[in-house]
PDB file of N, CA and C in Angstrom:
ATOM      1  N   MET A   1       0.844  -1.140   0.000  1.00  0.00           N
ATOM      2  CA  MET A   1       0.000   0.000   0.000  1.00  0.00           C
ATOM      3  C   MET A   1       0.903   1.220   0.000  1.00  0.00           C
ATOM      4  N   LYS A   2       0.621   2.185  -0.873  1.00  0.00           N
ATOM      5  CA  LYS A   2       1.478   3.361  -1.014  1.00  0.00           C
ATOM      6  C   LYS A   2       0.805   4.589  -0.411  1.00  0.00           C
ATOM      7  N   ASN A   3       1.608   5.438   0.212  1.00  0.00           N
ATOM      8  CA  ASN A   3       1.117   6.697   0.766  1.00  0.00           C
ATOM      9  C   ASN A   3       1.176   7.758  -0.322  1.00  0.00           C
ATOM     10  N   GLY A   4       0.022   8.118  -0.855  1.00  0.00           N
ATOM     11  CA  GLY A   4      -0.055   9.140  -1.891  1.00  0.00           C
ATOM     12  C   GLY A   4      -0.269  10.537  -1.332  1.00  0.00           C
ATOM     13  N   LEU A   5      -0.253  10.671  -0.010  1.00  0.00           N
ATOM     14  CA  LEU A   5      -0.442  11.978   0.620  1.00  0.00           C
ATOM     15  C   LEU A   5       0.871  12.749   0.661  1.00  0.00           C
ATOM     16  N   LYS A   6       0.775  14.036   0.959  1.00  0.00           N
ATOM     17  CA  LYS A   6       1.977  14.863   1.078  1.00  0.00           C
ATOM     18  C   LYS A   6       2.489  14.918   2.512  1.00  0.00           C
ATOM     19  N   THR A   7       1.874  14.134   3.395  1.00  0.00           N
ATOM     20  CA  THR A   7       2.293  14.067   4.793  1.00  0.00           C
ATOM     21  C   THR A   7       2.464  12.605   5.189  1.00  0.00           C
ATOM     22  N   ALA A   8       3.196  12.384   6.269  1.00  0.00           N
ATOM     23  CA  ALA A   8       3.338  11.020   6.791  1.00  0.00           C
ATOM     24  C   ALA A   8       1.969  10.523   7.247  1.00  0.00           C
ATOM     25  N   ASP A   9       1.770   9.226   7.200  1.00  0.00           N
ATOM     26  CA  ASP A   9       0.497   8.643   7.607  1.00  0.00           C
ATOM     27  C   ASP A   9       0.774   7.337   8.338  1.00  0.00           C
ATOM     28  N   GLU A  10      -0.265   6.784   8.931  1.00  0.00           N
ATOM     29  CA  GLU A  10      -0.125   5.540   9.678  1.00  0.00           C
ATOM     30  C   GLU A  10      -1.417   4.745   9.530  1.00  0.00           C
ATOM     31  N   LEU A  11      -1.293   3.471   9.148  1.00  0.00           N
ATOM     32  CA  LEU A  11      -2.456   2.599   8.981  1.00  0.00           C
ATOM     33  C   LEU A  11      -2.565   1.620  10.133  1.00  0.00           C
ATOM     34  N   LEU A  12      -3.803   1.298  10.454  1.00  0.00           N
ATOM     35  CA  LEU A  12      -4.105   0.344  11.517  1.00  0.00           C
ATOM     36  C   LEU A  12      -4.138  -1.074  10.946  1.00  0.00           C
ATOM     37  N   PHE A  13      -3.549  -2.018  11.660  1.00  0.00           N
ATOM     38  CA  PHE A  13      -3.565  -3.437  11.302  1.00  0.00           C
ATOM     39  C   PHE A  13      -4.009  -4.220  12.530  1.00  0.00           C
ATOM     40  N   ASP A  14      -5.218  -3.936  13.004  1.00  0.00           N
ATOM     41  CA  ASP A  14      -5.684  -4.518  14.262  1.00  0.00           C
ATOM     42  C   ASP A  14      -7.191  -4.728  14.194  1.00  0.00           C
ATOM     43  N   GLU A  15      -7.612  -5.980  14.168  1.00  0.00           N
ATOM     44  CA  GLU A  15      -9.028  -6.329  14.016  1.00  0.00           C
ATOM     45  C   GLU A  15      -9.885  -5.997  15.234  1.00  0.00           C
ATOM     46  N   ARG A  16      -9.260  -5.636  16.337  1.00  0.00           N
ATOM     47  CA  ARG A  16     -10.025  -5.367  17.558  1.00  0.00           C
ATOM     48  C   ARG A  16     -10.742  -4.026  17.529  1.00  0.00           C
ATOM     49  N   TRP A  17     -10.508  -3.205  16.531  1.00  0.00           N
ATOM     50  CA  TRP A  17     -11.087  -1.873  16.481  1.00  0.00           C
ATOM     51  C   TRP A  17     -12.364  -1.868  15.659  1.00  0.00           C
ATOM     52  N   GLU A  18     -13.363  -1.158  16.162  1.00  0.00           N
ATOM     53  CA  GLU A  18     -14.640  -1.021  15.464  1.00  0.00           C
ATOM     54  C   GLU A  18     -14.405  -0.396  14.094  1.00  0.00           C
ATOM     55  N   GLY A  19     -15.080  -0.930  13.087  1.00  0.00           N
ATOM     56  CA  GLY A  19     -14.937  -0.411  11.734  1.00  0.00           C
ATOM     57  C   GLY A  19     -13.981  -1.207  10.864  1.00  0.00           C
ATOM     58  N   MET A  20     -13.248  -2.153  11.458  1.00  0.00           N
ATOM     59  CA  MET A  20     -12.341  -2.989  10.668  1.00  0.00           C
ATOM     60  C   MET A  20     -13.136  -4.127  10.040  1.00  0.00           C
ATOM     61  N   ASN A  21     -13.134  -4.190   8.719  1.00  0.00           N
ATOM     62  CA  ASN A  21     -13.902  -5.200   7.991  1.00  0.00           C
ATOM     63  C   ASN A  21     -13.034  -6.115   7.150  1.00  0.00           C
ATOM     64  N   THR A  22     -11.740  -6.127   7.370  1.00  0.00           N
ATOM     65  CA  THR A  22     -10.846  -6.962   6.577  1.00  0.00           C
ATOM     66  C   THR A  22     -11.278  -8.418   6.692  1.00  0.00           C
ATOM     67  N   ALA A  23     -11.426  -9.069   5.530  1.00  0.00           N
ATOM     68  CA  ALA A  23     -11.874 -10.465   5.510  1.00  0.00           C
ATOM     69  C   ALA A  23     -11.579 -11.082   4.151  1.00  0.00           C
ATOM     70  N   LEU A  24     -11.542 -12.390   4.143  1.00  0.00           N
ATOM     71  CA  LEU A  24     -11.475 -13.178   2.916  1.00  0.00           C
ATOM     72  C   LEU A  24     -12.858 -13.777   2.729  1.00  0.00           C
ATOM     73  N   THR A  25     -13.488 -13.519   1.586  1.00  0.00           N
ATOM     74  CA  THR A  25     -14.791 -14.117   1.322  1.00  0.00           C
ATOM     75  C   THR A  25     -14.598 -15.324   0.419  1.00  0.00           C
ATOM     76  N   ALA A  26     -15.527 -16.268   0.531  1.00  0.00           N
ATOM     77  CA  ALA A  26     -15.431 -17.514  -0.232  1.00  0.00           C
ATOM     78  C   ALA A  26     -16.612 -17.641  -1.181  1.00  0.00           C
ATOM     79  N   GLN A  27     -16.458 -18.516  -2.179  1.00  0.00           N
ATOM     80  CA  GLN A  27     -17.519 -18.746  -3.157  1.00  0.00           C
ATOM     81  C   GLN A  27     -18.803 -19.234  -2.500  1.00  0.00           C
ATOM     82  N   ASP A  28     -18.708 -19.926  -1.355  1.00  0.00           N
ATOM     83  CA  ASP A  28     -19.900 -20.438  -0.666  1.00  0.00           C
ATOM     84  C   ASP A  28     -20.514 -19.399   0.275  1.00  0.00           C
ATOM     85  N   GLU A  29     -20.116 -18.128   0.145  1.00  0.00           N
ATOM     86  CA  GLU A  29     -20.617 -16.984   0.903  1.00  0.00           C
ATOM     87  C   GLU A  29     -20.106 -16.920   2.339  1.00  0.00           C
ATOM     88  N   ALA A  30     -19.170 -17.794   2.718  1.00  0.00           N
ATOM     89  CA  ALA A  30     -18.541 -17.706   4.038  1.00  0.00           C
ATOM     90  C   ALA A  30     -17.516 -16.575   4.012  1.00  0.00           C
ATOM     91  N   ASN A  31     -17.181 -16.057   5.182  1.00  0.00           N
ATOM     92  CA  ASN A  31     -16.103 -15.069   5.252  1.00  0.00           C
ATOM     93  C   ASN A  31     -15.220 -15.389   6.447  1.00  0.00           C
ATOM     94  N   TYR A  32     -13.957 -15.034   6.315  1.00  0.00           N
ATOM     95  CA  TYR A  32     -12.944 -15.374   7.313  1.00  0.00           C
ATOM     96  C   TYR A  32     -12.161 -14.124   7.679  1.00  0.00           C
ATOM     97  N   ARG A  33     -12.053 -13.866   8.973  1.00  0.00           N
ATOM     98  CA  ARG A  33     -11.306 -12.722   9.479  1.00  0.00           C
ATOM     99  C   ARG A  33      -9.817 -13.084   9.543  1.00  0.00           C
ATOM    100  N   PRO A  34      -8.938 -12.097   9.490  1.00  0.00           N
ATOM    101  CA  PRO A  34      -7.502 -12.384   9.578  1.00  0.00           C
ATOM    102  C   PRO A  34      -7.117 -13.021  10.912  1.00  0.00           C
ATOM    103  N   ARG A  35      -6.171 -13.938  10.848  1.00  0.00           N
ATOM    104  CA  ARG A  35      -5.591 -14.512  12.074  1.00  0.00           C
ATOM    105  C   ARG A  35      -4.497 -13.586  12.595  1.00  0.00           C
ATOM    106  N   ARG A  36      -3.759 -12.981  11.643  1.00  0.00           N
ATOM    107  CA  ARG A  36      -2.719 -12.026  12.020  1.00  0.00           C
ATOM    108  C   ARG A  36      -2.240 -11.290  10.774  1.00  0.00           C
ATOM    109  N   TYR A  37      -1.474 -10.239  11.018  1.00  0.00           N
ATOM    110  CA  TYR A  37      -0.831  -9.476   9.948  1.00  0.00           C
ATOM    111  C   TYR A  37       0.676  -9.629  10.103  1.00  0.00           C
ATOM    112  N   ASP A  38       1.366  -9.666   8.989  1.00  0.00           N
ATOM    113  CA  ASP A  38       2.823  -9.663   8.991  1.00  0.00           C
ATOM    114  C   ASP A  38       3.235  -8.290   8.460  1.00  0.00           C
ATOM    115  N   VAL A  39       3.550  -7.375   9.383  1.00  0.00           N
ATOM    116  CA  VAL A  39       3.863  -5.996   9.012  1.00  0.00           C
ATOM    117  C   VAL A  39       4.898  -5.451   9.996  1.00  0.00           C
ATOM    118  N   ASN A  40       5.730  -4.544   9.530  1.00  0.00           N
ATOM    119  CA  ASN A  40       6.705  -3.887  10.397  1.00  0.00           C
ATOM    120  C   ASN A  40       5.954  -2.845  11.225  1.00  0.00           C
ATOM    121  N   GLU A  41       5.690  -3.166  12.489  1.00  0.00           N
ATOM    122  CA  GLU A  41       4.823  -2.353  13.338  1.00  0.00           C
ATOM    123  C   GLU A  41       5.519  -1.105  13.874  1.00  0.00           C
ATOM    124  N   THR A  42       4.757  -0.009  13.922  1.00  0.00           N
ATOM    125  CA  THR A  42       5.199   1.216  14.575  1.00  0.00           C
ATOM    126  C   THR A  42       4.706   1.222  16.018  1.00  0.00           C
ATOM    127  N   HIS A  43       3.463   0.806  16.215  1.00  0.00           N
ATOM    128  CA  HIS A  43       2.851   0.674  17.541  1.00  0.00           C
ATOM    129  C   HIS A  43       2.328  -0.751  17.683  1.00  0.00           C
ATOM    130  N   THR A  44       2.225  -1.221  18.919  1.00  0.00           N
ATOM    131  CA  THR A  44       1.684  -2.567  19.130  1.00  0.00           C
ATOM    132  C   THR A  44       0.264  -2.559  19.675  1.00  0.00           C
ATOM    133  N   VAL A  45      -0.190  -1.470  20.296  1.00  0.00           N
ATOM    134  CA  VAL A  45      -1.578  -1.371  20.754  1.00  0.00           C
ATOM    135  C   VAL A  45      -2.087   0.011  20.396  1.00  0.00           C
ATOM    136  N   PRO A  46      -2.904   0.155  19.381  1.00  0.00           N
ATOM    137  CA  PRO A  46      -3.227  -0.878  18.409  1.00  0.00           C
ATOM    138  C   PRO A  46      -2.062  -1.093  17.446  1.00  0.00           C
ATOM    139  N   ILE A  47      -2.096  -2.226  16.766  1.00  0.00           N
ATOM    140  CA  ILE A  47      -1.049  -2.555  15.798  1.00  0.00           C
ATOM    141  C   ILE A  47      -1.187  -1.609  14.609  1.00  0.00           C
ATOM    142  N   SER A  48      -0.116  -0.905  14.292  1.00  0.00           N
ATOM    143  CA  SER A  48      -0.150   0.041  13.185  1.00  0.00           C
ATOM    144  C   SER A  48       1.234   0.152  12.563  1.00  0.00           C
ATOM    145  N   ALA A  49       1.268   0.751  11.373  1.00  0.00           N
ATOM    146  CA  ALA A  49       2.527   0.954  10.664  1.00  0.00           C
ATOM    147  C   ALA A  49       2.511   2.337  10.024  1.00  0.00           C
ATOM    148  N   ALA A  50       3.576   3.094  10.257  1.00  0.00           N
ATOM    149  CA  ALA A  50       3.697   4.446   9.710  1.00  0.00           C
ATOM    150  C   ALA A  50       4.488   4.411   8.411  1.00  0.00           C
ATOM    151  N   PHE A  51       4.168   5.366   7.535  1.00  0.00           N
ATOM    152  CA  PHE A  51       4.947   5.491   6.313  1.00  0.00           C
ATOM    153  C   PHE A  51       4.967   6.937   5.841  1.00  0.00           C
ATOM    154  N   LEU A  52       6.103   7.326   5.249  1.00  0.00           N
ATOM    155  CA  LEU A  52       6.341   8.683   4.789  1.00  0.00           C
ATOM    156  C   LEU A  52       5.635   8.940   3.466  1.00  0.00           C
ATOM    157  N   PRO A  53       5.500  10.211   3.071  1.00  0.00           N
ATOM    158  CA  PRO A  53       4.893  10.511   1.774  1.00  0.00           C
ATOM    159  C   PRO A  53       5.646   9.806   0.646  1.00  0.00           C
ATOM    160  N   GLY A  54       4.910   9.197  -0.248  1.00  0.00           N
ATOM    161  CA  GLY A  54       5.503   8.508  -1.397  1.00  0.00           C
ATOM    162  C   GLY A  54       6.064   7.138  -1.101  1.00  0.00           C
ATOM    163  N   SER A  55       6.121   6.748   0.162  1.00  0.00           N
ATOM    164  CA  SER A  55       6.645   5.420   0.492  1.00  0.00           C
ATOM    165  C   SER A  55       5.507   4.409   0.571  1.00  0.00           C
ATOM    166  N   ALA A  56       5.868   3.155   0.731  1.00  0.00           N
ATOM    167  CA  ALA A  56       4.869   2.089   0.739  1.00  0.00           C
ATOM    168  C   ALA A  56       5.067   1.187   1.951  1.00  0.00           C
ATOM    169  N   ILE A  57       3.988   0.516   2.327  1.00  0.00           N
ATOM    170  CA  ILE A  57       4.030  -0.493   3.383  1.00  0.00           C
ATOM    171  C   ILE A  57       3.817  -1.845   2.716  1.00  0.00           C
ATOM    172  N   ALA A  58       4.749  -2.753   2.920  1.00  0.00           N
ATOM    173  CA  ALA A  58       4.575  -4.131   2.449  1.00  0.00           C
ATOM    174  C   ALA A  58       4.070  -4.944   3.634  1.00  0.00           C
ATOM    175  N   PHE A  59       3.000  -5.690   3.422  1.00  0.00           N
ATOM    176  CA  PHE A  59       2.446  -6.492   4.511  1.00  0.00           C
ATOM    177  C   PHE A  59       1.770  -7.732   3.951  1.00  0.00           C
ATOM    178  N   LYS A  60       1.578  -8.695   4.834  1.00  0.00           N
ATOM    179  CA  LYS A  60       0.861  -9.919   4.485  1.00  0.00           C
ATOM    180  C   LYS A  60      -0.277 -10.081   5.478  1.00  0.00           C
ATOM    181  N   ILE A  61      -1.384 -10.647   5.005  1.00  0.00           N
ATOM    182  CA  ILE A  61      -2.521 -10.952   5.865  1.00  0.00           C
ATOM    183  C   ILE A  61      -2.639 -12.468   5.906  1.00  0.00           C
ATOM    184  N   VAL A  62      -2.693 -13.027   7.102  1.00  0.00           N
ATOM    185  CA  VAL A  62      -2.764 -14.479   7.274  1.00  0.00           C
ATOM    186  C   VAL A  62      -4.191 -14.859   7.667  1.00  0.00           C
ATOM    187  N   PHE A  63      -4.787 -15.761   6.875  1.00  0.00           N
ATOM    188  CA  PHE A  63      -6.128 -16.274   7.141  1.00  0.00           C
ATOM    189  C   PHE A  63      -6.046 -17.768   7.410  1.00  0.00           C
ATOM    190  N   GLU A  64      -6.941 -18.275   8.213  1.00  0.00           N
ATOM    191  CA  GLU A  64      -7.081 -19.720   8.420  1.00  0.00           C
ATOM    192  C   GLU A  64      -8.450 -20.110   7.875  1.00  0.00           C
ATOM    193  N   VAL A  65      -8.447 -20.953   6.839  1.00  0.00           N
ATOM    194  CA  VAL A  65      -9.700 -21.362   6.192  1.00  0.00           C
ATOM    195  C   VAL A  65      -9.744 -22.882   6.072  1.00  0.00           C
ATOM    196  N   PRO A  66     -10.945 -23.457   5.988  1.00  0.00           N
ATOM    197  CA  PRO A  66     -11.044 -24.904   5.812  1.00  0.00           C
ATOM    198  C   PRO A  66     -10.437 -25.344   4.475  1.00  0.00           C
ATOM    199  N   LYS A  67      -9.892 -26.540   4.463  1.00  0.00           N
ATOM    200  CA  LYS A  67      -9.340 -27.107   3.232  1.00  0.00           C
ATOM    201  C   LYS A  67     -10.446 -27.146   2.182  1.00  0.00           C
ATOM    202  N   GLY A  68     -10.111 -26.785   0.957  1.00  0.00           N
ATOM    203  CA  GLY A  68     -11.071 -26.797  -0.137  1.00  0.00           C
ATOM    204  C   GLY A  68     -11.821 -25.488  -0.315  1.00  0.00           C
ATOM    205  N   THR A  69     -11.559 -24.505   0.538  1.00  0.00           N
ATOM    206  CA  THR A  69     -12.222 -23.202   0.415  1.00  0.00           C
ATOM    207  C   THR A  69     -11.832 -22.551  -0.903  1.00  0.00           C
ATOM    208  N   GLU A  70     -12.831 -22.070  -1.632  1.00  0.00           N
ATOM    209  CA  GLU A  70     -12.583 -21.363  -2.887  1.00  0.00           C
ATOM    210  C   GLU A  70     -12.713 -19.867  -2.630  1.00  0.00           C
ATOM    211  N   PRO A  71     -11.606 -19.122  -2.651  1.00  0.00           N
ATOM    212  CA  PRO A  71     -11.670 -17.688  -2.370  1.00  0.00           C
ATOM    213  C   PRO A  71     -12.447 -16.926  -3.435  1.00  0.00           C
ATOM    214  N   LYS A  72     -13.123 -15.881  -3.001  1.00  0.00           N
ATOM    215  CA  LYS A  72     -13.886 -15.027  -3.911  1.00  0.00           C
ATOM    216  C   LYS A  72     -13.307 -13.613  -3.920  1.00  0.00           C
ATOM    217  N   ASP A  73     -13.260 -12.979  -2.743  1.00  0.00           N
ATOM    218  CA  ASP A  73     -12.782 -11.600  -2.633  1.00  0.00           C
ATOM    219  C   ASP A  73     -11.898 -11.435  -1.404  1.00  0.00           C
ATOM    220  N   LEU A  74     -11.005 -10.474  -1.489  1.00  0.00           N
ATOM    221  CA  LEU A  74     -10.272 -10.002  -0.324  1.00  0.00           C
ATOM    222  C   LEU A  74     -10.775  -8.592  -0.057  1.00  0.00           C
ATOM    223  N   VAL A  75     -11.255  -8.359   1.149  1.00  0.00           N
ATOM    224  CA  VAL A  75     -11.676  -7.021   1.561  1.00  0.00           C
ATOM    225  C   VAL A  75     -10.660  -6.536   2.586  1.00  0.00           C
ATOM    226  N   PHE A  76     -10.039  -5.396   2.304  1.00  0.00           N
ATOM    227  CA  PHE A  76      -9.071  -4.808   3.231  1.00  0.00           C
ATOM    228  C   PHE A  76      -9.587  -3.451   3.672  1.00  0.00           C
ATOM    229  N   THR A  77      -9.666  -3.245   4.983  1.00  0.00           N
ATOM    230  CA  THR A  77     -10.084  -1.950   5.514  1.00  0.00           C
ATOM    231  C   THR A  77      -8.852  -1.094   5.759  1.00  0.00           C
ATOM    232  N   ALA A  78      -8.769   0.017   5.036  1.00  0.00           N
ATOM    233  CA  ALA A  78      -7.690   0.987   5.236  1.00  0.00           C
ATOM    234  C   ALA A  78      -8.190   2.018   6.242  1.00  0.00           C
ATOM    235  N   MET A  79      -7.709   1.878   7.485  1.00  0.00           N
ATOM    236  CA  MET A  79      -8.111   2.793   8.551  1.00  0.00           C
ATOM    237  C   MET A  79      -6.886   3.541   9.055  1.00  0.00           C
ATOM    238  N   ARG A  80      -6.968   4.858   9.020  1.00  0.00           N
ATOM    239  CA  ARG A  80      -5.869   5.672   9.512  1.00  0.00           C
ATOM    240  C   ARG A  80      -5.793   5.579  11.030  1.00  0.00           C
ATOM    241  N   PHE A  81      -4.590   5.497  11.560  1.00  0.00           N
ATOM    242  CA  PHE A  81      -4.359   5.337  12.994  1.00  0.00           C
ATOM    243  C   PHE A  81      -5.061   6.417  13.813  1.00  0.00           C
ATOM    244  N   ASP A  82      -4.956   7.670  13.383  1.00  0.00           N
ATOM    245  CA  ASP A  82      -5.545   8.756  14.168  1.00  0.00           C
ATOM    246  C   ASP A  82      -7.056   8.869  13.993  1.00  0.00           C
ATOM    247  N   MET A  83      -7.653   7.993  13.210  1.00  0.00           N
ATOM    248  CA  MET A  83      -9.101   7.996  13.005  1.00  0.00           C
ATOM    249  C   MET A  83      -9.733   6.690  13.475  1.00  0.00           C
ATOM    250  N   CYS A  84      -9.092   5.997  14.415  1.00  0.00           N
ATOM    251  CA  CYS A  84      -9.586   4.669  14.798  1.00  0.00           C
ATOM    252  C   CYS A  84     -10.721   4.692  15.817  1.00  0.00           C
ATOM    253  N   THR A  85     -11.028   5.831  16.419  1.00  0.00           N
ATOM    254  CA  THR A  85     -12.153   5.868  17.358  1.00  0.00           C
ATOM    255  C   THR A  85     -13.445   6.132  16.591  1.00  0.00           C
ATOM    256  N   PRO A  86     -14.578   5.606  17.063  1.00  0.00           N
ATOM    257  CA  PRO A  86     -15.850   5.799  16.347  1.00  0.00           C
ATOM    258  C   PRO A  86     -16.171   7.269  16.071  1.00  0.00           C
ATOM    259  N   GLY A  87     -15.869   8.167  17.019  1.00  0.00           N
ATOM    260  CA  GLY A  87     -16.128   9.589  16.795  1.00  0.00           C
ATOM    261  C   GLY A  87     -15.318  10.146  15.639  1.00  0.00           C
ATOM    262  N   ASN A  88     -14.043   9.793  15.566  1.00  0.00           N
ATOM    263  CA  ASN A  88     -13.185  10.260  14.478  1.00  0.00           C
ATOM    264  C   ASN A  88     -13.553   9.619  13.149  1.00  0.00           C
ATOM    265  N   GLN A  89     -14.072   8.387  13.178  1.00  0.00           N
ATOM    266  CA  GLN A  89     -14.444   7.703  11.941  1.00  0.00           C
ATOM    267  C   GLN A  89     -15.582   8.420  11.222  1.00  0.00           C
ATOM    268  N   LYS A  90     -16.391   9.172  11.954  1.00  0.00           N
ATOM    269  CA  LYS A  90     -17.465   9.941  11.311  1.00  0.00           C
ATOM    270  C   LYS A  90     -16.877  11.052  10.452  1.00  0.00           C
ATOM    271  N   LYS A  91     -15.732  11.605  10.867  1.00  0.00           N
ATOM    272  CA  LYS A  91     -15.063  12.664  10.111  1.00  0.00           C
ATOM    273  C   LYS A  91     -14.285  12.105   8.924  1.00  0.00           C
ATOM    274  N   ASP A  92     -13.656  10.968   9.129  1.00  0.00           N
ATOM    275  CA  ASP A  92     -12.791  10.360   8.105  1.00  0.00           C
ATOM    276  C   ASP A  92     -12.997   8.849   8.149  1.00  0.00           C
ATOM    277  N   PRO A  93     -14.088   8.352   7.521  1.00  0.00           N
ATOM    278  CA  PRO A  93     -14.413   6.926   7.636  1.00  0.00           C
ATOM    279  C   PRO A  93     -13.358   6.028   6.987  1.00  0.00           C
ATOM    280  N   PRO A  94     -13.185   4.814   7.547  1.00  0.00           N
ATOM    281  CA  PRO A  94     -12.259   3.859   6.938  1.00  0.00           C
ATOM    282  C   PRO A  94     -12.732   3.478   5.540  1.00  0.00           C
ATOM    283  N   GLN A  95     -11.796   3.123   4.686  1.00  0.00           N
ATOM    284  CA  GLN A  95     -12.116   2.734   3.311  1.00  0.00           C
ATOM    285  C   GLN A  95     -11.960   1.225   3.158  1.00  0.00           C
ATOM    286  N   ASN A  96     -13.007   0.575   2.669  1.00  0.00           N
ATOM    287  CA  ASN A  96     -12.944  -0.859   2.386  1.00  0.00           C
ATOM    288  C   ASN A  96     -12.537  -1.047   0.932  1.00  0.00           C
ATOM    289  N   ILE A  97     -11.449  -1.751   0.719  1.00  0.00           N
ATOM    290  CA  ILE A  97     -10.926  -2.020  -0.623  1.00  0.00           C
ATOM    291  C   ILE A  97     -11.215  -3.481  -0.932  1.00  0.00           C
ATOM    292  N   ARG A  98     -11.962  -3.735  -1.999  1.00  0.00           N
ATOM    293  CA  ARG A  98     -12.335  -5.103  -2.373  1.00  0.00           C
ATOM    294  C   ARG A  98     -11.555  -5.510  -3.617  1.00  0.00           C
ATOM    295  N   VAL A  99     -10.899  -6.671  -3.528  1.00  0.00           N
ATOM    296  CA  VAL A  99     -10.139  -7.223  -4.649  1.00  0.00           C
ATOM    297  C   VAL A  99     -10.745  -8.573  -4.997  1.00  0.00           C
ATOM    298  N   ALA A 100     -11.198  -8.734  -6.237  1.00  0.00           N
ATOM    299  CA  ALA A 100     -11.759 -10.015  -6.681  1.00  0.00           C
ATOM    300  C   ALA A 100     -10.624 -11.015  -6.882  1.00  0.00           C
ATOM    301  N   LEU A 101     -10.809 -12.225  -6.360  1.00  0.00           N
ATOM    302  CA  LEU A 101      -9.808 -13.285  -6.459  1.00  0.00           C
ATOM    303  C   LEU A 101     -10.351 -14.429  -7.300  1.00  0.00           C
ATOM    304  N   LYS A 102      -9.459 -15.221  -7.829  1.00  0.00           N
ATOM    305  CA  LYS A 102      -9.852 -16.423  -8.567  1.00  0.00           C
ATOM    306  C   LYS A 102      -9.296 -17.631  -7.845  1.00  0.00           C
ATOM    307  N   SER A 103     -10.050 -18.713  -7.862  1.00  0.00           N
ATOM    308  CA  SER A 103      -9.522 -19.947  -7.288  1.00  0.00           C
ATOM    309  C   SER A 103      -8.617 -20.611  -8.318  1.00  0.00           C
ATOM    310  N   ASP A 104      -7.821 -21.586  -7.882  1.00  0.00           N
ATOM    311  CA  ASP A 104      -6.913 -22.289  -8.794  1.00  0.00           C
ATOM    312  C   ASP A 104      -7.660 -22.999  -9.909  1.00  0.00           C
ATOM    313  N   ALA A 105      -8.933 -23.327  -9.689  1.00  0.00           N
ATOM    314  CA  ALA A 105      -9.708 -24.072 -10.679  1.00  0.00           C
ATOM    315  C   ALA A 105     -10.124 -23.201 -11.857  1.00  0.00           C
ATOM    316  N   GLU A 106     -10.049 -21.882 -11.708  1.00  0.00           N
ATOM    317  CA  GLU A 106     -10.499 -21.000 -12.794  1.00  0.00           C
ATOM    318  C   GLU A 106      -9.369 -20.617 -13.708  1.00  0.00           C
TER     319      GLU A 106
END
């Protein structure tokens, strides 16, 4: 994920916060929440990562799904660290980014 802003920013990588909708959806309409994130953390509570203008954050999302699950979509919630409280989210709501996935069979 790249920071296209002209200022430093920080993203939240913590499912415990209200408004986080990151999930893997499956063809059978099931959805799975992340087990963990693999990211270079700036803070640990909540888990977040800072990045400078024009720089990028490389991260991995780890899901645990039943064998044979056919993935459909990856939904990633981009929530800014300073907007993680419900009151602040009204001013600057988190953005859900949906990426369509294909299973190996397609």
